[in-house]
C-alpha cells in the first residue's frame, strides 16, 4: 500500500471518530418518544390516504353509474324510435 493510501485511510478513520465523538448521545426515553411520534405520524398519513382513496372510489363509482344510466337511456330511446319507424 502506498503512503498516500495509508494517509488517506488514517484521515478517514480520524474523521469518523471525530463525528462519532461529536454526536450527542440520545437517551432511551428520547428515542422511544421520537419513535412513538414517528409511528403516530405514519398512522395519520395512512388514515388520510385511505380516506382519500375511499372518496376517489366513491366519486368514480358514481360517475360510472351516471354514465351507465345515460347510455341505457340513450340506447332505449334510439331503439324505441327505430321500432316506431319500422312499423
N, C-alpha and C. Protein backbone atom coordinates (compact mmCIF):
# COMPACT_ATOMS: atom_id res chain seq x y z
N UNK A 1 0.86 -1.16 0.00
CA UNK A 1 0.00 0.00 0.00
C UNK A 1 0.90 1.23 0.00
N UNK A 2 0.53 2.20 -0.76
CA UNK A 2 1.36 3.41 -0.83
C UNK A 2 1.14 4.28 0.39
N UNK A 3 2.04 5.21 0.58
CA UNK A 3 1.96 6.12 1.72
C UNK A 3 0.73 7.01 1.59
N UNK A 4 0.39 7.39 0.37
CA UNK A 4 -0.79 8.24 0.16
C UNK A 4 -2.07 7.53 0.59
N UNK A 5 -2.18 6.24 0.24
CA UNK A 5 -3.37 5.48 0.63
C UNK A 5 -3.46 5.35 2.14
N UNK A 6 -2.32 5.05 2.78
CA UNK A 6 -2.31 4.92 4.24
C UNK A 6 -2.71 6.23 4.90
N UNK A 7 -2.22 7.32 4.36
CA UNK A 7 -2.54 8.63 4.91
C UNK A 7 -4.03 8.94 4.75
N UNK A 8 -4.58 8.60 3.59
CA UNK A 8 -6.00 8.84 3.33
C UNK A 8 -6.87 8.01 4.27
N UNK A 9 -6.51 6.73 4.46
CA UNK A 9 -7.28 5.86 5.36
C UNK A 9 -7.20 6.39 6.78
N UNK A 10 -6.03 6.83 7.19
CA UNK A 10 -5.86 7.38 8.53
C UNK A 10 -6.72 8.62 8.72
N UNK A 11 -6.76 9.48 7.70
CA UNK A 11 -7.57 10.69 7.77
C UNK A 11 -9.05 10.36 7.87
N UNK A 12 -9.49 9.38 7.09
CA UNK A 12 -10.90 8.97 7.13
C UNK A 12 -11.27 8.40 8.50
N UNK A 13 -10.41 7.57 9.05
CA UNK A 13 -10.67 6.99 10.37
C UNK A 13 -10.73 8.08 11.44
N UNK A 14 -9.84 9.04 11.36
CA UNK A 14 -9.84 10.14 12.32
C UNK A 14 -11.12 10.95 12.20
N UNK A 15 -11.55 11.20 10.98
CA UNK A 15 -12.78 11.96 10.75
C UNK A 15 -13.99 11.20 11.30
N UNK A 16 -14.03 9.89 11.07
CA UNK A 16 -15.14 9.08 11.57
C UNK A 16 -15.20 9.12 13.09
N UNK A 17 -14.04 8.99 13.75
CA UNK A 17 -14.00 9.03 15.21
C UNK A 17 -14.46 10.39 15.72
N UNK A 18 -14.09 11.45 15.02
CA UNK A 18 -14.48 12.79 15.45
C UNK A 18 -15.99 12.97 15.32
N UNK A 19 -16.57 12.44 14.26
CA UNK A 19 -18.02 12.54 14.06
C UNK A 19 -18.75 11.77 15.15
N UNK A 20 -18.29 10.57 15.44
CA UNK A 20 -18.92 9.76 16.48
C UNK A 20 -18.82 10.44 17.83
N UNK A 21 -17.66 11.02 18.11
CA UNK A 21 -17.46 11.68 19.39
C UNK A 21 -18.30 12.94 19.53
N UNK A 22 -18.53 13.64 18.42
CA UNK A 22 -19.27 14.90 18.49
C UNK A 22 -20.79 14.70 18.46
N UNK A 23 -21.25 13.51 18.08
CA UNK A 23 -22.69 13.24 18.03
C UNK A 23 -23.22 13.06 19.45
N UNK A 24 -24.24 13.86 19.83
CA UNK A 24 -24.76 13.74 21.19
C UNK A 24 -25.48 12.40 21.39
N UNK A 25 -25.30 11.86 22.57
CA UNK A 25 -25.97 10.60 22.90
C UNK A 25 -27.44 10.87 23.15
N UNK A 26 -28.30 10.01 22.65
CA UNK A 26 -29.75 10.14 22.84
C UNK A 26 -30.17 9.15 23.91
N UNK A 27 -30.92 9.64 24.86
CA UNK A 27 -31.37 8.75 25.91
C UNK A 27 -32.43 7.79 25.37
N UNK A 28 -32.62 6.71 26.10
CA UNK A 28 -33.59 5.69 25.67
C UNK A 28 -35.00 6.26 25.64
N UNK A 29 -35.33 7.08 26.62
CA UNK A 29 -36.68 7.65 26.65
C UNK A 29 -36.90 8.61 25.49
N UNK A 30 -35.86 9.38 25.13
CA UNK A 30 -35.99 10.27 23.98
C UNK A 30 -36.16 9.48 22.70
N UNK A 31 -35.42 8.39 22.59
CA UNK A 31 -35.54 7.55 21.39
C UNK A 31 -36.93 6.96 21.28
N UNK A 32 -37.47 6.49 22.42
CA UNK A 32 -38.83 5.93 22.40
C UNK A 32 -39.86 6.98 22.03
N UNK A 33 -39.68 8.17 22.62
CA UNK A 33 -40.62 9.25 22.34
C UNK A 33 -40.60 9.62 20.87
N UNK A 34 -39.41 9.69 20.31
CA UNK A 34 -39.28 10.00 18.89
C UNK A 34 -39.90 8.91 18.03
N UNK A 35 -39.68 7.66 18.41
CA UNK A 35 -40.26 6.54 17.66
C UNK A 35 -41.79 6.57 17.71
N UNK A 36 -42.33 6.90 18.89
CA UNK A 36 -43.79 7.00 19.01
C UNK A 36 -44.34 8.10 18.12
N UNK A 37 -43.67 9.24 18.13
CA UNK A 37 -44.12 10.37 17.31
C UNK A 37 -44.10 9.98 15.84
N UNK A 38 -43.05 9.30 15.42
CA UNK A 38 -42.97 8.87 14.02
C UNK A 38 -44.06 7.87 13.68
N UNK A 39 -44.36 6.97 14.61
CA UNK A 39 -45.43 5.99 14.39
C UNK A 39 -46.78 6.68 14.27
N UNK A 40 -47.03 7.65 15.16
CA UNK A 40 -48.30 8.39 15.09
C UNK A 40 -48.44 9.13 13.77
N UNK A 41 -47.36 9.76 13.34
CA UNK A 41 -47.40 10.49 12.07
C UNK A 41 -47.68 9.54 10.91
N UNK A 42 -47.05 8.37 10.94
CA UNK A 42 -47.27 7.40 9.87
C UNK A 42 -48.71 6.92 9.85
N UNK A 43 -49.28 6.68 11.04
CA UNK A 43 -50.69 6.26 11.10
C UNK A 43 -51.61 7.34 10.57
N UNK A 44 -51.32 8.59 10.93
CA UNK A 44 -52.16 9.70 10.46
C UNK A 44 -52.10 9.80 8.94
N UNK A 45 -50.91 9.63 8.38
CA UNK A 45 -50.77 9.67 6.92
C UNK A 45 -51.53 8.52 6.26
N UNK A 46 -51.45 7.35 6.87
CA UNK A 46 -52.16 6.19 6.32
C UNK A 46 -53.66 6.43 6.33
N UNK A 47 -54.16 6.96 7.46
CA UNK A 47 -55.60 7.26 7.54
C UNK A 47 -56.02 8.26 6.47
N UNK A 48 -55.23 9.32 6.33
CA UNK A 48 -55.58 10.34 5.34
C UNK A 48 -55.58 9.76 3.93
N UNK A 49 -54.59 8.93 3.63
CA UNK A 49 -54.53 8.33 2.30
C UNK A 49 -55.70 7.37 2.06
N UNK A 50 -56.08 6.64 3.11
CA UNK A 50 -57.20 5.71 2.99
C UNK A 50 -58.50 6.47 2.74
N UNK A 51 -58.68 7.55 3.49
CA UNK A 51 -59.89 8.36 3.28
C UNK A 51 -59.95 8.94 1.87
N UNK A 52 -58.83 9.42 1.40
CA UNK A 52 -58.78 9.99 0.05
C UNK A 52 -59.08 8.91 -0.99
N UNK A 53 -58.55 7.73 -0.79
CA UNK A 53 -58.80 6.64 -1.73
C UNK A 53 -60.28 6.26 -1.74
N UNK A 54 -60.89 6.22 -0.55
CA UNK A 54 -62.33 5.92 -0.49
C UNK A 54 -63.15 6.98 -1.22
N UNK A 55 -62.79 8.24 -1.00
CA UNK A 55 -63.52 9.33 -1.66
C UNK A 55 -63.39 9.22 -3.17
N UNK A 56 -62.19 8.92 -3.64
CA UNK A 56 -61.99 8.76 -5.08
C UNK A 56 -62.78 7.58 -5.63
N UNK A 57 -62.81 6.49 -4.89
CA UNK A 57 -63.57 5.32 -5.33
C UNK A 57 -65.05 5.64 -5.42
N UNK A 58 -65.56 6.34 -4.40
CA UNK A 58 -66.98 6.73 -4.44
C UNK A 58 -67.28 7.61 -5.65
N UNK A 59 -66.43 8.59 -5.87
CA UNK A 59 -66.65 9.51 -6.99
C UNK A 59 -66.61 8.75 -8.32
N UNK A 60 -65.66 7.86 -8.46
CA UNK A 60 -65.55 7.09 -9.71
C UNK A 60 -66.75 6.16 -9.89
N UNK A 61 -67.23 5.57 -8.80
CA UNK A 61 -68.40 4.69 -8.89
C UNK A 61 -69.64 5.47 -9.29
N UNK A 62 -69.81 6.64 -8.67
CA UNK A 62 -70.97 7.47 -9.02
C UNK A 62 -70.92 7.91 -10.48
N UNK A 63 -69.74 8.28 -10.95
CA UNK A 63 -69.61 8.70 -12.34
C UNK A 63 -69.92 7.54 -13.28
N UNK A 64 -69.44 6.36 -12.93
CA UNK A 64 -69.71 5.18 -13.77
C UNK A 64 -71.20 4.87 -13.81
N UNK A 65 -71.86 4.97 -12.66
CA UNK A 65 -73.31 4.73 -12.64
C UNK A 65 -74.05 5.75 -13.50
N UNK A 66 -73.65 7.01 -13.38
CA UNK A 66 -74.31 8.05 -14.16
C UNK A 66 -74.12 7.80 -15.65
N UNK A 67 -72.92 7.41 -16.04
CA UNK A 67 -72.65 7.12 -17.46
C UNK A 67 -73.46 5.92 -17.94
N UNK A 68 -73.57 4.91 -17.08
CA UNK A 68 -74.34 3.72 -17.45
C UNK A 68 -75.81 4.08 -17.65
N UNK A 69 -76.34 4.88 -16.72
CA UNK A 69 -77.75 5.30 -16.85
C UNK A 69 -77.97 6.11 -18.13
N UNK A 70 -77.06 7.05 -18.38
CA UNK A 70 -77.21 7.89 -19.58
C UNK A 70 -77.14 7.05 -20.84
N UNK A 71 -76.21 6.12 -20.89
CA UNK A 71 -76.08 5.26 -22.07
C UNK A 71 -77.30 4.36 -22.25
N UNK A 72 -77.81 3.84 -21.14
CA UNK A 72 -79.00 2.99 -21.21
C UNK A 72 -80.19 3.77 -21.74
N UNK A 73 -80.38 4.99 -21.20
CA UNK A 73 -81.49 5.84 -21.68
C UNK A 73 -81.36 6.14 -23.18
N UNK A 74 -80.12 6.50 -23.58
CA UNK A 74 -79.91 6.84 -24.99
C UNK A 74 -80.19 5.64 -25.89
N UNK A 75 -79.72 4.48 -25.48
CA UNK A 75 -79.95 3.27 -26.29
C UNK A 75 -81.43 2.91 -26.33
N UNK A 76 -82.11 3.05 -25.21
CA UNK A 76 -83.54 2.73 -25.16
C UNK A 76 -84.32 3.66 -26.08
N UNK A 77 -84.00 4.94 -26.02
CA UNK A 77 -84.69 5.91 -26.88
C UNK A 77 -84.42 5.63 -28.36
N UNK A 78 -83.16 5.33 -28.66
CA UNK A 78 -82.81 5.06 -30.06
C UNK A 78 -83.53 3.81 -30.56
N UNK A 79 -83.56 2.77 -29.74
CA UNK A 79 -84.24 1.54 -30.13
C UNK A 79 -85.74 1.75 -30.27
N UNK A 80 -86.32 2.53 -29.39
CA UNK A 80 -87.75 2.81 -29.45
C UNK A 80 -88.08 3.56 -30.73
N UNK A 81 -87.27 4.57 -31.04
CA UNK A 81 -87.51 5.35 -32.27
C UNK A 81 -87.35 4.46 -33.51
N UNK A 82 -86.35 3.59 -33.46
CA UNK A 82 -86.13 2.70 -34.61
C UNK A 82 -87.33 1.75 -34.79
N UNK A 83 -87.87 1.26 -33.68
CA UNK A 83 -89.02 0.36 -33.76
C UNK A 83 -90.27 1.09 -34.23
N UNK A 84 -90.44 2.33 -33.84
CA UNK A 84 -91.59 3.13 -34.25
C UNK A 84 -91.52 3.38 -35.75
N UNK A 85 -90.35 3.69 -36.23
CA UNK A 85 -90.18 4.00 -37.65
C UNK A 85 -90.34 2.75 -38.54
N UNK A 86 -90.06 1.58 -38.00
CA UNK A 86 -90.16 0.35 -38.79
C UNK A 86 -91.61 -0.03 -39.00
N UNK A 87 -92.47 0.16 -38.02
CA UNK A 87 -93.86 -0.27 -38.10
C UNK A 87 -94.65 0.54 -39.01
